[in-house]
């Protein structure tokens, strides 16, 4: 089984929730265009003014996506 990695984009401020949700729309469009499976993709609330857009991908896609999409950070999924 491939290791999975969470690619994370962070958004802060009063529009953080809407921005994170909108970012997911573009990530889904990108995934479809590039034929990359969407295992998990979600917006998570860290606090009322801090949201994260998260895309869980197989490790084989990480280097390419990191270069092309510039996530703020990433971590192995447990």
N, C-alpha and C. Protein backbone atom coordinates (compact mmCIF):
# COMPACT_ATOMS: atom_id res chain seq x y z
N UNK A 1 0.84 -1.20 0.00
CA UNK A 1 0.00 0.00 0.00
C UNK A 1 0.88 1.25 0.00
N UNK A 2 0.51 2.21 -0.84
CA UNK A 2 1.25 3.47 -0.89
C UNK A 2 0.99 4.29 0.35
N UNK A 3 2.03 4.99 0.80
CA UNK A 3 1.81 5.94 1.88
C UNK A 3 0.99 7.09 1.32
N UNK A 4 0.19 7.67 2.19
CA UNK A 4 -0.61 8.82 1.79
C UNK A 4 -0.11 10.07 2.49
N UNK A 5 -0.22 11.18 1.78
CA UNK A 5 0.26 12.46 2.26
C UNK A 5 -0.87 13.47 2.18
N UNK A 6 -1.00 14.28 3.21
CA UNK A 6 -1.97 15.37 3.21
C UNK A 6 -1.25 16.62 2.71
N UNK A 7 -1.70 17.17 1.58
CA UNK A 7 -1.22 18.46 1.11
C UNK A 7 -2.15 19.51 1.71
N UNK A 8 -1.59 20.54 2.32
CA UNK A 8 -2.38 21.47 3.12
C UNK A 8 -2.16 22.91 2.65
N UNK A 9 -3.26 23.59 2.40
CA UNK A 9 -3.25 25.02 2.12
C UNK A 9 -3.99 25.68 3.26
N UNK A 10 -3.44 26.76 3.82
CA UNK A 10 -4.03 27.41 4.99
C UNK A 10 -4.56 28.80 4.63
N UNK A 11 -5.72 29.10 5.20
CA UNK A 11 -6.38 30.38 4.94
C UNK A 11 -6.82 30.99 6.26
N UNK A 12 -6.54 32.28 6.41
CA UNK A 12 -6.87 32.98 7.66
C UNK A 12 -7.72 34.20 7.36
N UNK A 13 -8.49 34.60 8.36
CA UNK A 13 -9.29 35.82 8.25
C UNK A 13 -10.77 35.50 8.18
N UNK A 14 -11.60 36.54 8.13
CA UNK A 14 -13.05 36.34 8.16
C UNK A 14 -13.59 35.56 6.97
N UNK A 15 -12.88 35.56 5.85
CA UNK A 15 -13.34 34.82 4.66
C UNK A 15 -12.61 33.48 4.50
N UNK A 16 -11.94 33.03 5.54
CA UNK A 16 -11.12 31.81 5.45
C UNK A 16 -11.94 30.59 5.02
N UNK A 17 -13.12 30.44 5.58
CA UNK A 17 -13.95 29.27 5.24
C UNK A 17 -14.32 29.27 3.76
N UNK A 18 -14.81 30.40 3.28
CA UNK A 18 -15.22 30.49 1.89
C UNK A 18 -14.01 30.32 0.95
N UNK A 19 -12.88 30.87 1.34
CA UNK A 19 -11.69 30.77 0.51
C UNK A 19 -11.21 29.32 0.43
N UNK A 20 -11.20 28.63 1.56
CA UNK A 20 -10.79 27.21 1.57
C UNK A 20 -11.74 26.37 0.72
N UNK A 21 -13.04 26.60 0.85
CA UNK A 21 -14.00 25.85 0.06
C UNK A 21 -13.85 26.14 -1.43
N UNK A 22 -13.59 27.38 -1.77
CA UNK A 22 -13.40 27.74 -3.17
C UNK A 22 -12.12 27.12 -3.72
N UNK A 23 -11.09 27.09 -2.89
CA UNK A 23 -9.82 26.47 -3.31
C UNK A 23 -10.03 25.00 -3.66
N UNK A 24 -10.89 24.33 -2.91
CA UNK A 24 -11.17 22.91 -3.19
C UNK A 24 -11.80 22.73 -4.58
N UNK A 25 -12.60 23.68 -5.01
CA UNK A 25 -13.19 23.61 -6.35
C UNK A 25 -12.08 23.54 -7.39
N UNK A 26 -11.09 24.42 -7.23
CA UNK A 26 -9.98 24.44 -8.19
C UNK A 26 -9.13 23.18 -8.09
N UNK A 27 -8.94 22.68 -6.89
CA UNK A 27 -8.17 21.44 -6.73
C UNK A 27 -8.89 20.27 -7.39
N UNK A 28 -10.21 20.20 -7.24
CA UNK A 28 -10.97 19.13 -7.90
C UNK A 28 -10.88 19.24 -9.42
N UNK A 29 -10.97 20.45 -9.94
CA UNK A 29 -10.83 20.66 -11.38
C UNK A 29 -9.45 20.21 -11.85
N UNK A 30 -8.43 20.55 -11.09
CA UNK A 30 -7.07 20.16 -11.43
C UNK A 30 -6.94 18.64 -11.41
N UNK A 31 -7.46 18.01 -10.38
CA UNK A 31 -7.38 16.55 -10.26
C UNK A 31 -8.06 15.87 -11.44
N UNK A 32 -9.20 16.38 -11.84
CA UNK A 32 -9.92 15.81 -12.98
C UNK A 32 -9.12 15.99 -14.27
N UNK A 33 -8.60 17.19 -14.49
CA UNK A 33 -7.84 17.47 -15.70
C UNK A 33 -6.57 16.63 -15.79
N UNK A 34 -5.95 16.37 -14.64
CA UNK A 34 -4.69 15.64 -14.60
C UNK A 34 -4.88 14.14 -14.35
N UNK A 35 -6.15 13.72 -14.21
CA UNK A 35 -6.47 12.32 -13.96
C UNK A 35 -5.78 11.78 -12.70
N UNK A 36 -5.84 12.57 -11.63
CA UNK A 36 -5.27 12.18 -10.34
C UNK A 36 -6.43 11.82 -9.42
N UNK A 37 -6.40 10.64 -8.82
CA UNK A 37 -7.51 10.24 -7.96
C UNK A 37 -7.68 11.17 -6.75
N UNK A 38 -8.92 11.40 -6.41
CA UNK A 38 -9.24 12.19 -5.22
C UNK A 38 -9.65 11.21 -4.13
N UNK A 39 -8.70 10.89 -3.24
CA UNK A 39 -9.00 10.00 -2.12
C UNK A 39 -9.85 10.75 -1.10
N UNK A 40 -9.29 11.83 -0.63
CA UNK A 40 -9.98 12.69 0.35
C UNK A 40 -9.62 14.12 0.00
N UNK A 41 -10.63 14.99 0.01
CA UNK A 41 -10.41 16.41 -0.20
C UNK A 41 -11.45 17.13 0.65
N UNK A 42 -10.98 17.99 1.56
CA UNK A 42 -11.93 18.62 2.48
C UNK A 42 -11.38 19.93 3.02
N UNK A 43 -12.31 20.76 3.51
CA UNK A 43 -11.96 21.98 4.21
C UNK A 43 -12.19 21.73 5.70
N UNK A 44 -11.17 22.00 6.50
CA UNK A 44 -11.27 21.77 7.94
C UNK A 44 -11.10 23.07 8.70
N UNK A 45 -11.92 23.23 9.73
CA UNK A 45 -11.85 24.42 10.58
C UNK A 45 -10.85 24.16 11.70
N UNK A 46 -9.80 24.98 11.76
CA UNK A 46 -8.86 24.92 12.87
C UNK A 46 -9.33 25.87 13.98
N UNK A 47 -9.91 27.00 13.58
CA UNK A 47 -10.53 27.96 14.48
C UNK A 47 -11.46 28.81 13.62
N UNK A 48 -12.30 29.66 14.21
CA UNK A 48 -13.28 30.39 13.40
C UNK A 48 -12.68 31.19 12.23
N UNK A 49 -11.47 31.67 12.35
CA UNK A 49 -10.85 32.46 11.28
C UNK A 49 -9.63 31.76 10.68
N UNK A 50 -9.60 30.44 10.79
CA UNK A 50 -8.46 29.68 10.25
C UNK A 50 -8.97 28.34 9.72
N UNK A 51 -8.90 28.21 8.39
CA UNK A 51 -9.35 26.98 7.72
C UNK A 51 -8.21 26.41 6.90
N UNK A 52 -8.29 25.11 6.70
CA UNK A 52 -7.31 24.41 5.87
C UNK A 52 -8.04 23.66 4.76
N UNK A 53 -7.50 23.76 3.56
CA UNK A 53 -7.96 22.93 2.45
C UNK A 53 -6.97 21.77 2.38
N UNK A 54 -7.47 20.55 2.44
CA UNK A 54 -6.60 19.37 2.50
C UNK A 54 -6.95 18.43 1.36
N UNK A 55 -5.89 17.96 0.70
CA UNK A 55 -6.03 16.96 -0.36
C UNK A 55 -5.11 15.81 0.00
N UNK A 56 -5.67 14.64 0.20
CA UNK A 56 -4.89 13.45 0.52
C UNK A 56 -4.55 12.75 -0.79
N UNK A 57 -3.25 12.58 -1.03
CA UNK A 57 -2.78 11.95 -2.26
C UNK A 57 -1.79 10.83 -1.93
N UNK A 58 -1.63 9.92 -2.88
CA UNK A 58 -0.60 8.89 -2.74
C UNK A 58 0.76 9.57 -2.85
N UNK A 59 1.72 9.03 -2.13
CA UNK A 59 3.05 9.62 -2.07
C UNK A 59 3.68 9.80 -3.46
N UNK A 60 3.33 8.95 -4.40
CA UNK A 60 3.91 9.03 -5.74
C UNK A 60 3.61 10.35 -6.45
N UNK A 61 2.56 11.05 -6.03
CA UNK A 61 2.16 12.32 -6.65
C UNK A 61 2.74 13.55 -5.95
N UNK A 62 3.34 13.36 -4.79
CA UNK A 62 3.69 14.50 -3.94
C UNK A 62 4.69 15.45 -4.59
N UNK A 63 5.79 14.96 -5.11
CA UNK A 63 6.80 15.86 -5.66
C UNK A 63 6.24 16.72 -6.78
N UNK A 64 5.51 16.12 -7.70
CA UNK A 64 4.93 16.87 -8.81
C UNK A 64 3.93 17.90 -8.31
N UNK A 65 3.02 17.49 -7.43
CA UNK A 65 1.99 18.41 -6.94
C UNK A 65 2.58 19.52 -6.08
N UNK A 66 3.60 19.20 -5.33
CA UNK A 66 4.24 20.22 -4.49
C UNK A 66 4.84 21.32 -5.38
N UNK A 67 5.47 20.93 -6.46
CA UNK A 67 6.07 21.90 -7.38
C UNK A 67 5.00 22.73 -8.11
N UNK A 68 3.95 22.08 -8.52
CA UNK A 68 2.95 22.74 -9.37
C UNK A 68 1.90 23.52 -8.58
N UNK A 69 1.52 23.02 -7.39
CA UNK A 69 0.40 23.63 -6.66
C UNK A 69 0.81 24.40 -5.41
N UNK A 70 2.05 24.27 -5.01
CA UNK A 70 2.61 25.04 -3.88
C UNK A 70 1.77 24.98 -2.60
N UNK A 71 1.51 23.79 -2.07
CA UNK A 71 0.81 23.74 -0.78
C UNK A 71 1.68 24.41 0.29
N UNK A 72 1.03 24.91 1.33
CA UNK A 72 1.77 25.55 2.41
C UNK A 72 2.57 24.55 3.22
N UNK A 73 2.04 23.35 3.32
CA UNK A 73 2.76 22.29 4.03
C UNK A 73 2.15 20.94 3.70
N UNK A 74 2.75 19.91 4.22
CA UNK A 74 2.25 18.56 4.02
C UNK A 74 2.66 17.69 5.18
N UNK A 75 1.99 16.57 5.31
CA UNK A 75 2.34 15.61 6.36
C UNK A 75 1.84 14.24 5.95
N UNK A 76 2.56 13.24 6.46
CA UNK A 76 2.10 11.87 6.21
C UNK A 76 0.79 11.63 6.95
N UNK A 77 -0.09 10.93 6.32
CA UNK A 77 -1.39 10.59 6.92
C UNK A 77 -1.23 9.31 7.70
N UNK A 78 -1.77 9.29 8.89
CA UNK A 78 -1.66 8.11 9.74
C UNK A 78 -2.90 7.27 9.69
